[in-house]
Amino acid sequence: MAQAGLKRALDTQLASATAGDGYTIGVSFRDRTGDYCRTFNAGRSSGIGCHHDGAWQIRQLVTGDSRTVTDYRQAASASPATMEAAQEMMAGAPLDIAQEKDARDKGWK
């Protein structure tokens, strides 16, 4: 279960926002069971949290800098393993900014 800063970021932070509480939110989507899920980055860790039964459950956590090092890397990029897992979990397209804001305002229900 997500706690403290990560829970707060998953509950409230839009993907378009700058890092809050040390977390950056990446992609928000619905998984194949209908739960809302969100990728997150926390420095040298990234993962996926899904809102299920009123709480954020961590479905994947990748620690260490497993991202490919290049001259250009988006600051909030999750690891390739996290992004691959998110794509496999997604039912349809990721949420756009309006859908994400609506889901947040409705408590991810």
PDB file of N, CA and C in Angstrom:
ATOM      1  N   MET A   1       0.829  -1.183   0.000  1.00  0.00           N
ATOM      2  CA  MET A   1       0.000   0.000   0.000  1.00  0.00           C
ATOM      3  C   MET A   1       0.875   1.249   0.000  1.00  0.00           C
ATOM      4  N   ALA A   2       0.474   2.222  -0.780  1.00  0.00           N
ATOM      5  CA  ALA A   2       1.193   3.495  -0.811  1.00  0.00           C
ATOM      6  C   ALA A   2       0.894   4.269   0.457  1.00  0.00           C
ATOM      7  N   GLN A   3       1.905   4.917   0.989  1.00  0.00           N
ATOM      8  CA  GLN A   3       1.742   5.667   2.234  1.00  0.00           C
ATOM      9  C   GLN A   3       2.343   7.060   2.092  1.00  0.00           C
ATOM     10  N   ALA A   4       1.979   7.937   2.983  1.00  0.00           N
ATOM     11  CA  ALA A   4       2.539   9.282   3.135  1.00  0.00           C
ATOM     12  C   ALA A   4       2.644  10.038   1.818  1.00  0.00           C
ATOM     13  N   GLY A   5       3.867  10.445   1.444  1.00  0.00           N
ATOM     14  CA  GLY A   5       4.079  11.293   0.277  1.00  0.00           C
ATOM     15  C   GLY A   5       3.634  10.652  -1.025  1.00  0.00           C
ATOM     16  N   LEU A   6       3.900   9.350  -1.192  1.00  0.00           N
ATOM     17  CA  LEU A   6       3.487   8.682  -2.423  1.00  0.00           C
ATOM     18  C   LEU A   6       1.968   8.625  -2.509  1.00  0.00           C
ATOM     19  N   LYS A   7       1.295   8.301  -1.423  1.00  0.00           N
ATOM     20  CA  LYS A   7      -0.170   8.273  -1.414  1.00  0.00           C
ATOM     21  C   LYS A   7      -0.722   9.637  -1.789  1.00  0.00           C
ATOM     22  N   ARG A   8      -0.170  10.693  -1.199  1.00  0.00           N
ATOM     23  CA  ARG A   8      -0.620  12.058  -1.474  1.00  0.00           C
ATOM     24  C   ARG A   8      -0.402  12.400  -2.962  1.00  0.00           C
ATOM     25  N   ALA A   9       0.765  12.034  -3.501  1.00  0.00           N
ATOM     26  CA  ALA A   9       1.040  12.316  -4.917  1.00  0.00           C
ATOM     27  C   ALA A   9       0.070  11.557  -5.819  1.00  0.00           C
ATOM     28  N   LEU A  10      -0.156  10.281  -5.551  1.00  0.00           N
ATOM     29  CA  LEU A  10      -1.079   9.486  -6.368  1.00  0.00           C
ATOM     30  C   LEU A  10      -2.508  10.008  -6.255  1.00  0.00           C
ATOM     31  N   ASP A  11      -2.908  10.455  -5.080  1.00  0.00           N
ATOM     32  CA  ASP A  11      -4.257  10.986  -4.861  1.00  0.00           C
ATOM     33  C   ASP A  11      -4.490  12.313  -5.567  1.00  0.00           C
ATOM     34  N   THR A  12      -3.504  13.191  -5.551  1.00  0.00           N
ATOM     35  CA  THR A  12      -3.778  14.582  -5.918  1.00  0.00           C
ATOM     36  C   THR A  12      -2.985  15.156  -7.079  1.00  0.00           C
ATOM     37  N   GLN A  13      -1.810  14.658  -7.333  1.00  0.00           N
ATOM     38  CA  GLN A  13      -0.907  15.298  -8.292  1.00  0.00           C
ATOM     39  C   GLN A  13      -1.239  14.909  -9.728  1.00  0.00           C
ATOM     40  N   LEU A  14      -1.402  15.889 -10.587  1.00  0.00           N
ATOM     41  CA  LEU A  14      -1.631  15.624 -12.002  1.00  0.00           C
ATOM     42  C   LEU A  14      -0.299  15.333 -12.682  1.00  0.00           C
ATOM     43  N   ALA A  15      -0.351  14.573 -13.747  1.00  0.00           N
ATOM     44  CA  ALA A  15       0.866  14.218 -14.473  1.00  0.00           C
ATOM     45  C   ALA A  15       1.586  15.449 -15.006  1.00  0.00           C
ATOM     46  N   SER A  16       0.846  16.513 -15.266  1.00  0.00           N
ATOM     47  CA  SER A  16       1.444  17.728 -15.810  1.00  0.00           C
ATOM     48  C   SER A  16       2.125  18.576 -14.745  1.00  0.00           C
ATOM     49  N   ALA A  17       1.978  18.224 -13.467  1.00  0.00           N
ATOM     50  CA  ALA A  17       2.542  19.010 -12.367  1.00  0.00           C
ATOM     51  C   ALA A  17       4.017  18.687 -12.152  1.00  0.00           C
ATOM     52  N   THR A  18       4.711  19.613 -11.520  1.00  0.00           N
ATOM     53  CA  THR A  18       6.098  19.351 -11.145  1.00  0.00           C
ATOM     54  C   THR A  18       6.110  18.423  -9.939  1.00  0.00           C
ATOM     55  N   ALA A  19       7.263  17.882  -9.635  1.00  0.00           N
ATOM     56  CA  ALA A  19       7.399  16.921  -8.536  1.00  0.00           C
ATOM     57  C   ALA A  19       6.879  17.511  -7.231  1.00  0.00           C
ATOM     58  N   GLY A  20       6.130  16.714  -6.509  1.00  0.00           N
ATOM     59  CA  GLY A  20       5.630  17.084  -5.201  1.00  0.00           C
ATOM     60  C   GLY A  20       5.988  15.986  -4.222  1.00  0.00           C
ATOM     61  N   ASP A  21       6.448  16.324  -3.048  1.00  0.00           N
ATOM     62  CA  ASP A  21       6.845  15.342  -2.033  1.00  0.00           C
ATOM     63  C   ASP A  21       7.898  14.371  -2.571  1.00  0.00           C
ATOM     64  N   GLY A  22       8.680  14.810  -3.595  1.00  0.00           N
ATOM     65  CA  GLY A  22       9.716  13.953  -4.147  1.00  0.00           C
ATOM     66  C   GLY A  22       9.227  12.969  -5.196  1.00  0.00           C
ATOM     67  N   TYR A  23       7.962  13.045  -5.582  1.00  0.00           N
ATOM     68  CA  TYR A  23       7.379  12.127  -6.559  1.00  0.00           C
ATOM     69  C   TYR A  23       6.906  12.887  -7.793  1.00  0.00           C
ATOM     70  N   THR A  24       7.111  12.293  -8.940  1.00  0.00           N
ATOM     71  CA  THR A  24       6.568  12.815 -10.183  1.00  0.00           C
ATOM     72  C   THR A  24       5.640  11.753 -10.748  1.00  0.00           C
ATOM     73  N   ILE A  25       4.449  12.180 -11.137  1.00  0.00           N
ATOM     74  CA  ILE A  25       3.472  11.261 -11.719  1.00  0.00           C
ATOM     75  C   ILE A  25       3.652  11.267 -13.230  1.00  0.00           C
ATOM     76  N   GLY A  26       3.630  10.087 -13.818  1.00  0.00           N
ATOM     77  CA  GLY A  26       3.792   9.965 -15.267  1.00  0.00           C
ATOM     78  C   GLY A  26       2.466   9.778 -15.957  1.00  0.00           C
ATOM     79  N   VAL A  27       2.114   8.557 -16.254  1.00  0.00           N
ATOM     80  CA  VAL A  27       0.921   8.220 -17.029  1.00  0.00           C
ATOM     81  C   VAL A  27      -0.183   7.729 -16.092  1.00  0.00           C
ATOM     82  N   SER A  28      -1.397   8.191 -16.340  1.00  0.00           N
ATOM     83  CA  SER A  28      -2.571   7.696 -15.620  1.00  0.00           C
ATOM     84  C   SER A  28      -3.422   6.914 -16.614  1.00  0.00           C
ATOM     85  N   PHE A  29      -3.963   5.777 -16.168  1.00  0.00           N
ATOM     86  CA  PHE A  29      -4.736   4.915 -17.068  1.00  0.00           C
ATOM     87  C   PHE A  29      -5.640   4.000 -16.260  1.00  0.00           C
ATOM     88  N   ARG A  30      -6.538   3.322 -16.960  1.00  0.00           N
ATOM     89  CA  ARG A  30      -7.343   2.262 -16.352  1.00  0.00           C
ATOM     90  C   ARG A  30      -6.751   0.931 -16.754  1.00  0.00           C
ATOM     91  N   ASP A  31      -6.702   0.019 -15.785  1.00  0.00           N
ATOM     92  CA  ASP A  31      -6.207  -1.320 -16.121  1.00  0.00           C
ATOM     93  C   ASP A  31      -7.375  -2.174 -16.609  1.00  0.00           C
ATOM     94  N   ARG A  32      -7.103  -3.419 -16.900  1.00  0.00           N
ATOM     95  CA  ARG A  32      -8.123  -4.289 -17.490  1.00  0.00           C
ATOM     96  C   ARG A  32      -9.234  -4.667 -16.522  1.00  0.00           C
ATOM     97  N   THR A  33      -9.027  -4.444 -15.219  1.00  0.00           N
ATOM     98  CA  THR A  33     -10.094  -4.694 -14.239  1.00  0.00           C
ATOM     99  C   THR A  33     -10.912  -3.440 -13.968  1.00  0.00           C
ATOM    100  N   GLY A  34     -10.503  -2.301 -14.564  1.00  0.00           N
ATOM    101  CA  GLY A  34     -11.227  -1.046 -14.378  1.00  0.00           C
ATOM    102  C   GLY A  34     -10.633  -0.136 -13.322  1.00  0.00           C
ATOM    103  N   ASP A  35      -9.587  -0.585 -12.619  1.00  0.00           N
ATOM    104  CA  ASP A  35      -8.942   0.262 -11.610  1.00  0.00           C
ATOM    105  C   ASP A  35      -8.136   1.359 -12.292  1.00  0.00           C
ATOM    106  N   TYR A  36      -8.099   2.522 -11.640  1.00  0.00           N
ATOM    107  CA  TYR A  36      -7.203   3.578 -12.106  1.00  0.00           C
ATOM    108  C   TYR A  36      -5.791   3.240 -11.638  1.00  0.00           C
ATOM    109  N   CYS A  37      -4.824   3.425 -12.512  1.00  0.00           N
ATOM    110  CA  CYS A  37      -3.422   3.187 -12.198  1.00  0.00           C
ATOM    111  C   CYS A  37      -2.609   4.387 -12.650  1.00  0.00           C
ATOM    112  N   ARG A  38      -1.463   4.590 -11.984  1.00  0.00           N
ATOM    113  CA  ARG A  38      -0.601   5.723 -12.310  1.00  0.00           C
ATOM    114  C   ARG A  38       0.849   5.298 -12.166  1.00  0.00           C
ATOM    115  N   THR A  39       1.674   5.711 -13.125  1.00  0.00           N
ATOM    116  CA  THR A  39       3.103   5.485 -12.973  1.00  0.00           C
ATOM    117  C   THR A  39       3.673   6.631 -12.156  1.00  0.00           C
ATOM    118  N   PHE A  40       4.752   6.348 -11.445  1.00  0.00           N
ATOM    119  CA  PHE A  40       5.396   7.394 -10.648  1.00  0.00           C
ATOM    120  C   PHE A  40       6.902   7.201 -10.678  1.00  0.00           C
ATOM    121  N   ASN A  41       7.583   8.296 -10.426  1.00  0.00           N
ATOM    122  CA  ASN A  41       9.039   8.305 -10.372  1.00  0.00           C
ATOM    123  C   ASN A  41       9.434   8.975  -9.064  1.00  0.00           C
ATOM    124  N   ALA A  42      10.381   8.367  -8.384  1.00  0.00           N
ATOM    125  CA  ALA A  42      10.880   8.921  -7.124  1.00  0.00           C
ATOM    126  C   ALA A  42      12.400   8.830  -7.129  1.00  0.00           C
ATOM    127  N   GLY A  43      13.020   9.704  -7.883  1.00  0.00           N
ATOM    128  CA  GLY A  43      14.478   9.677  -7.952  1.00  0.00           C
ATOM    129  C   GLY A  43      14.974   8.434  -8.658  1.00  0.00           C
ATOM    130  N   ARG A  44      15.578   7.526  -7.916  1.00  0.00           N
ATOM    131  CA  ARG A  44      16.151   6.312  -8.497  1.00  0.00           C
ATOM    132  C   ARG A  44      15.176   5.137  -8.486  1.00  0.00           C
ATOM    133  N   SER A  45      13.912   5.393  -8.208  1.00  0.00           N
ATOM    134  CA  SER A  45      12.888   4.346  -8.216  1.00  0.00           C
ATOM    135  C   SER A  45      11.700   4.803  -9.049  1.00  0.00           C
ATOM    136  N   SER A  46      11.020   3.833  -9.631  1.00  0.00           N
ATOM    137  CA  SER A  46       9.778   4.137 -10.326  1.00  0.00           C
ATOM    138  C   SER A  46       8.843   2.954 -10.129  1.00  0.00           C
ATOM    139  N   GLY A  47       7.565   3.196 -10.401  1.00  0.00           N
ATOM    140  CA  GLY A  47       6.618   2.113 -10.208  1.00  0.00           C
ATOM    141  C   GLY A  47       5.239   2.450 -10.716  1.00  0.00           C
ATOM    142  N   ILE A  48       4.318   1.558 -10.388  1.00  0.00           N
ATOM    143  CA  ILE A  48       2.923   1.702 -10.763  1.00  0.00           C
ATOM    144  C   ILE A  48       2.073   1.478  -9.520  1.00  0.00           C
ATOM    145  N   GLY A  49       1.192   2.434  -9.257  1.00  0.00           N
ATOM    146  CA  GLY A  49       0.225   2.294  -8.176  1.00  0.00           C
ATOM    147  C   GLY A  49      -1.169   2.253  -8.767  1.00  0.00           C
ATOM    148  N   CYS A  50      -2.013   1.346  -8.267  1.00  0.00           N
ATOM    149  CA  CYS A  50      -3.389   1.229  -8.756  1.00  0.00           C
ATOM    150  C   CYS A  50      -4.350   1.416  -7.588  1.00  0.00           C
ATOM    151  N   HIS A  51      -5.411   2.176  -7.849  1.00  0.00           N
ATOM    152  CA  HIS A  51      -6.413   2.470  -6.825  1.00  0.00           C
ATOM    153  C   HIS A  51      -7.421   1.332  -6.788  1.00  0.00           C
ATOM    154  N   HIS A  52      -7.425   0.574  -5.700  1.00  0.00           N
ATOM    155  CA  HIS A  52      -8.300  -0.587  -5.571  1.00  0.00           C
ATOM    156  C   HIS A  52      -8.839  -0.638  -4.142  1.00  0.00           C
ATOM    157  N   ASP A  53     -10.144  -0.801  -4.014  1.00  0.00           N
ATOM    158  CA  ASP A  53     -10.797  -0.858  -2.696  1.00  0.00           C
ATOM    159  C   ASP A  53     -10.436   0.331  -1.815  1.00  0.00           C
ATOM    160  N   GLY A  54     -10.380   1.521  -2.426  1.00  0.00           N
ATOM    161  CA  GLY A  54     -10.178   2.744  -1.663  1.00  0.00           C
ATOM    162  C   GLY A  54      -8.746   3.057  -1.271  1.00  0.00           C
ATOM    163  N   ALA A  55      -7.773   2.280  -1.768  1.00  0.00           N
ATOM    164  CA  ALA A  55      -6.372   2.525  -1.412  1.00  0.00           C
ATOM    165  C   ALA A  55      -5.491   2.326  -2.639  1.00  0.00           C
ATOM    166  N   TRP A  56      -4.331   2.960  -2.621  1.00  0.00           N
ATOM    167  CA  TRP A  56      -3.357   2.782  -3.702  1.00  0.00           C
ATOM    168  C   TRP A  56      -2.483   1.584  -3.384  1.00  0.00           C
ATOM    169  N   GLN A  57      -2.533   0.600  -4.242  1.00  0.00           N
ATOM    170  CA  GLN A  57      -1.695  -0.589  -4.094  1.00  0.00           C
ATOM    171  C   GLN A  57      -0.544  -0.490  -5.083  1.00  0.00           C
ATOM    172  N   ILE A  58       0.650  -0.777  -4.620  1.00  0.00           N
ATOM    173  CA  ILE A  58       1.819  -0.754  -5.492  1.00  0.00           C
ATOM    174  C   ILE A  58       1.841  -2.067  -6.267  1.00  0.00           C
ATOM    175  N   ARG A  59       1.708  -1.981  -7.567  1.00  0.00           N
ATOM    176  CA  ARG A  59       1.698  -3.174  -8.419  1.00  0.00           C
ATOM    177  C   ARG A  59       3.080  -3.480  -8.974  1.00  0.00           C
ATOM    178  N   GLN A  60       3.924  -2.453  -9.060  1.00  0.00           N
ATOM    179  CA  GLN A  60       5.294  -2.666  -9.525  1.00  0.00           C
ATOM    180  C   GLN A  60       6.172  -1.587  -8.917  1.00  0.00           C
ATOM    181  N   LEU A  61       7.384  -1.990  -8.532  1.00  0.00           N
ATOM    182  CA  LEU A  61       8.378  -1.041  -8.035  1.00  0.00           C
ATOM    183  C   LEU A  61       9.726  -1.462  -8.587  1.00  0.00           C
ATOM    184  N   VAL A  62      10.368  -0.560  -9.288  1.00  0.00           N
ATOM    185  CA  VAL A  62      11.696  -0.790  -9.850  1.00  0.00           C
ATOM    186  C   VAL A  62      12.641   0.156  -9.125  1.00  0.00           C
ATOM    187  N   THR A  63      13.634  -0.406  -8.452  1.00  0.00           N
ATOM    188  CA  THR A  63      14.590   0.432  -7.734  1.00  0.00           C
ATOM    189  C   THR A  63      15.923   0.448  -8.458  1.00  0.00           C
ATOM    190  N   GLY A  64      16.681   1.484  -8.204  1.00  0.00           N
ATOM    191  CA  GLY A  64      17.951   1.662  -8.901  1.00  0.00           C
ATOM    192  C   GLY A  64      17.702   2.349 -10.215  1.00  0.00           C
ATOM    193  N   ASP A  65      18.735   2.854 -10.806  1.00  0.00           N
ATOM    194  CA  ASP A  65      18.595   3.573 -12.065  1.00  0.00           C
ATOM    195  C   ASP A  65      18.712   2.589 -13.211  1.00  0.00           C
ATOM    196  N   SER A  66      17.592   1.937 -13.548  1.00  0.00           N
ATOM    197  CA  SER A  66      17.588   0.938 -14.607  1.00  0.00           C
ATOM    198  C   SER A  66      17.254   1.544 -15.963  1.00  0.00           C
ATOM    199  N   ARG A  67      17.144   2.881 -16.007  1.00  0.00           N
ATOM    200  CA  ARG A  67      16.850   3.546 -17.273  1.00  0.00           C
ATOM    201  C   ARG A  67      18.089   3.551 -18.152  1.00  0.00           C
ATOM    202  N   THR A  68      17.866   3.599 -19.432  1.00  0.00           N
ATOM    203  CA  THR A  68      18.974   3.684 -20.367  1.00  0.00           C
ATOM    204  C   THR A  68      19.539   5.091 -20.323  1.00  0.00           C
ATOM    205  N   VAL A  69      20.840   5.208 -20.165  1.00  0.00           N
ATOM    206  CA  VAL A  69      21.474   6.515 -20.084  1.00  0.00           C
ATOM    207  C   VAL A  69      21.765   7.003 -21.496  1.00  0.00           C
ATOM    208  N   THR A  70      21.248   8.196 -21.814  1.00  0.00           N
ATOM    209  CA  THR A  70      21.505   8.837 -23.097  1.00  0.00           C
ATOM    210  C   THR A  70      21.781  10.303 -22.829  1.00  0.00           C
ATOM    211  N   ASP A  71      22.127  11.030 -23.864  1.00  0.00           N
ATOM    212  CA  ASP A  71      22.347  12.465 -23.700  1.00  0.00           C
ATOM    213  C   ASP A  71      21.063  13.183 -23.334  1.00  0.00           C
ATOM    214  N   TYR A  72      19.921  12.668 -23.788  1.00  0.00           N
ATOM    215  CA  TYR A  72      18.634  13.282 -23.504  1.00  0.00           C
ATOM    216  C   TYR A  72      17.756  12.276 -22.789  1.00  0.00           C
ATOM    217  N   ARG A  73      17.222  12.694 -21.661  1.00  0.00           N
ATOM    218  CA  ARG A  73      16.274  11.839 -20.945  1.00  0.00           C
ATOM    219  C   ARG A  73      15.278  12.752 -20.261  1.00  0.00           C
ATOM    220  N   GLN A  74      14.003  12.511 -20.463  1.00  0.00           N
ATOM    221  CA  GLN A  74      12.968  13.305 -19.836  1.00  0.00           C
ATOM    222  C   GLN A  74      13.087  13.159 -18.327  1.00  0.00           C
ATOM    223  N   ALA A  75      13.016  14.260 -17.611  1.00  0.00           N
ATOM    224  CA  ALA A  75      13.244  14.261 -16.162  1.00  0.00           C
ATOM    225  C   ALA A  75      12.326  13.313 -15.410  1.00  0.00           C
ATOM    226  N   ALA A  76      11.073  13.199 -15.812  1.00  0.00           N
ATOM    227  CA  ALA A  76      10.112  12.382 -15.069  1.00  0.00           C
ATOM    228  C   ALA A  76       9.957  10.983 -15.639  1.00  0.00           C
ATOM    229  N   SER A  77      10.835  10.591 -16.537  1.00  0.00           N
ATOM    230  CA  SER A  77      10.692   9.290 -17.184  1.00  0.00           C
ATOM    231  C   SER A  77      10.817   8.151 -16.182  1.00  0.00           C
ATOM    232  N   ALA A  78       9.894   7.221 -16.274  1.00  0.00           N
ATOM    233  CA  ALA A  78       9.977   6.004 -15.474  1.00  0.00           C
ATOM    234  C   ALA A  78      10.910   5.040 -16.189  1.00  0.00           C
ATOM    235  N   SER A  79      11.291   3.987 -15.506  1.00  0.00           N
ATOM    236  CA  SER A  79      12.172   2.994 -16.127  1.00  0.00           C
ATOM    237  C   SER A  79      11.463   2.330 -17.301  1.00  0.00           C
ATOM    238  N   PRO A  80      12.217   1.822 -18.257  1.00  0.00           N
ATOM    239  CA  PRO A  80      11.587   1.092 -19.364  1.00  0.00           C
ATOM    240  C   PRO A  80      10.738  -0.080 -18.867  1.00  0.00           C
ATOM    241  N   ALA A  81      11.175  -0.749 -17.805  1.00  0.00           N
ATOM    242  CA  ALA A  81      10.400  -1.877 -17.260  1.00  0.00           C
ATOM    243  C   ALA A  81       9.048  -1.401 -16.737  1.00  0.00           C
ATOM    244  N   THR A  82       9.022  -0.237 -16.094  1.00  0.00           N
ATOM    245  CA  THR A  82       7.768   0.316 -15.577  1.00  0.00           C
ATOM    246  C   THR A  82       6.841   0.692 -16.722  1.00  0.00           C
ATOM    247  N   MET A  83       7.384   1.341 -17.740  1.00  0.00           N
ATOM    248  CA  MET A  83       6.552   1.749 -18.865  1.00  0.00           C
ATOM    249  C   MET A  83       6.029   0.535 -19.637  1.00  0.00           C
ATOM    250  N   GLU A  84       6.841  -0.492 -19.780  1.00  0.00           N
ATOM    251  CA  GLU A  84       6.398  -1.714 -20.452  1.00  0.00           C
ATOM    252  C   GLU A  84       5.272  -2.375 -19.667  1.00  0.00           C
ATOM    253  N   ALA A  85       5.422  -2.440 -18.344  1.00  0.00           N
ATOM    254  CA  ALA A  85       4.376  -3.031 -17.501  1.00  0.00           C
ATOM    255  C   ALA A  85       3.079  -2.220 -17.600  1.00  0.00           C
ATOM    256  N   ALA A  86       3.197  -0.894 -17.610  1.00  0.00           N
ATOM    257  CA  ALA A  86       2.012  -0.040 -17.723  1.00  0.00           C
ATOM    258  C   ALA A  86       1.293  -0.296 -19.043  1.00  0.00           C
ATOM    259  N   GLN A  87       2.049  -0.404 -20.134  1.00  0.00           N
ATOM    260  CA  GLN A  87       1.433  -0.659 -21.434  1.00  0.00           C
ATOM    261  C   GLN A  87       0.708  -2.007 -21.454  1.00  0.00           C
ATOM    262  N   GLU A  88       1.279  -2.999 -20.786  1.00  0.00           N
ATOM    263  CA  GLU A  88       0.641  -4.316 -20.737  1.00  0.00           C
ATOM    264  C   GLU A  88      -0.620  -4.304 -19.872  1.00  0.00           C
ATOM    265  N   MET A  89      -0.653  -3.446 -18.861  1.00  0.00           N
ATOM    266  CA  MET A  89      -1.794  -3.373 -17.953  1.00  0.00           C
ATOM    267  C   MET A  89      -2.948  -2.541 -18.511  1.00  0.00           C
ATOM    268  N   MET A  90      -2.648  -1.594 -19.393  1.00  0.00           N
ATOM    269  CA  MET A  90      -3.623  -0.615 -19.878  1.00  0.00           C
ATOM    270  C   MET A  90      -4.761  -1.243 -20.663  1.00  0.00           C
ATOM    271  N   ALA A  91      -5.953  -0.770 -20.362  1.00  0.00           N
ATOM    272  CA  ALA A  91      -7.129  -1.084 -21.165  1.00  0.00           C
ATOM    273  C   ALA A  91      -7.447   0.189 -21.945  1.00  0.00           C
ATOM    274  N   GLY A  92      -7.024   0.265 -23.186  1.00  0.00           N
ATOM    275  CA  GLY A  92      -7.237   1.474 -23.980  1.00  0.00           C
ATOM    276  C   GLY A  92      -6.081   2.438 -23.840  1.00  0.00           C
ATOM    277  N   ALA A  93      -6.354   3.679 -24.154  1.00  0.00           N
ATOM    278  CA  ALA A  93      -5.331   4.729 -24.149  1.00  0.00           C
ATOM    279  C   ALA A  93      -5.167   5.315 -22.745  1.00  0.00           C
ATOM    280  N   PRO A  94      -4.008   5.933 -22.481  1.00  0.00           N
ATOM    281  CA  PRO A  94      -3.828   6.640 -21.212  1.00  0.00           C
ATOM    282  C   PRO A  94      -4.847   7.777 -21.105  1.00  0.00           C
ATOM    283  N   LEU A  95      -5.107   8.207 -19.889  1.00  0.00           N
ATOM    284  CA  LEU A  95      -6.029   9.321 -19.679  1.00  0.00           C
ATOM    285  C   LEU A  95      -5.412  10.607 -20.193  1.00  0.00           C
ATOM    286  N   ASP A  96      -6.233  11.457 -20.798  1.00  0.00           N
ATOM    287  CA  ASP A  96      -5.756  12.785 -21.162  1.00  0.00           C
ATOM    288  C   ASP A  96      -5.897  13.679 -19.926  1.00  0.00           C
ATOM    289  N   ILE A  97      -5.460  14.918 -20.015  1.00  0.00           N
ATOM    290  CA  ILE A  97      -5.442  15.802 -18.842  1.00  0.00           C
ATOM    291  C   ILE A  97      -6.846  16.016 -18.264  1.00  0.00           C
ATOM    292  N   ALA A  98      -7.857  16.162 -19.119  1.00  0.00           N
ATOM    293  CA  ALA A  98      -9.224  16.367 -18.629  1.00  0.00           C
ATOM    294  C   ALA A  98      -9.748  15.116 -17.924  1.00  0.00           C
ATOM    295  N   GLN A  99      -9.486  13.943 -18.488  1.00  0.00           N
ATOM    296  CA  GLN A  99      -9.925  12.687 -17.869  1.00  0.00           C
ATOM    297  C   GLN A  99      -9.204  12.462 -16.540  1.00  0.00           C
ATOM    298  N   GLU A 100      -7.917  12.780 -16.510  1.00  0.00           N
ATOM    299  CA  GLU A 100      -7.141  12.609 -15.284  1.00  0.00           C
ATOM    300  C   GLU A 100      -7.664  13.532 -14.180  1.00  0.00           C
ATOM    301  N   LYS A 101      -7.919  14.778 -14.518  1.00  0.00           N
ATOM    302  CA  LYS A 101      -8.437  15.740 -13.531  1.00  0.00           C
ATOM    303  C   LYS A 101      -9.802  15.292 -13.027  1.00  0.00           C
ATOM    304  N   ASP A 102     -10.667  14.823 -13.925  1.00  0.00           N
ATOM    305  CA  ASP A 102     -11.999  14.346 -13.532  1.00  0.00           C
ATOM    306  C   ASP A 102     -11.884  13.149 -12.587  1.00  0.00           C
ATOM    307  N   ALA A 103     -11.003  12.192 -12.917  1.00  0.00           N
ATOM    308  CA  ALA A 103     -10.807  11.009 -12.060  1.00  0.00           C
ATOM    309  C   ALA A 103     -10.302  11.433 -10.683  1.00  0.00           C
ATOM    310  N   ARG A 104      -9.341  12.346 -10.657  1.00  0.00           N
ATOM    311  CA  ARG A 104      -8.807  12.836  -9.382  1.00  0.00           C
ATOM    312  C   ARG A 104      -9.918  13.495  -8.562  1.00  0.00           C
ATOM    313  N   ASP A 105     -10.688  14.368  -9.211  1.00  0.00           N
ATOM    314  CA  ASP A 105     -11.747  15.101  -8.496  1.00  0.00           C
ATOM    315  C   ASP A 105     -12.829  14.173  -7.962  1.00  0.00           C
ATOM    316  N   LYS A 106     -12.974  12.987  -8.568  1.00  0.00           N
ATOM    317  CA  LYS A 106     -13.955  11.996  -8.107  1.00  0.00           C
ATOM    318  C   LYS A 106     -13.334  10.952  -7.186  1.00  0.00           C
ATOM    319  N   GLY A 107     -12.103  11.189  -6.734  1.00  0.00           N
ATOM    320  CA  GLY A 107     -11.462  10.285  -5.795  1.00  0.00           C
ATOM    321  C   GLY A 107     -11.002   8.974  -6.418  1.00  0.00           C
ATOM    322  N   TRP A 108     -10.742   8.972  -7.721  1.00  0.00           N
ATOM    323  CA  TRP A 108     -10.248   7.776  -8.428  1.00  0.00           C
ATOM    324  C   TRP A 108     -11.227   6.607  -8.319  1.00  0.00           C
ATOM    325  N   LYS A 109     -12.537   6.928  -8.303  1.00  0.00           N
ATOM    326  CA  LYS A 109     -13.578   5.890  -8.227  1.00  0.00           C
ATOM    327  C   LYS A 109     -14.270   5.747  -9.554  1.00  0.00           C
TER     328      LYS A 109
END
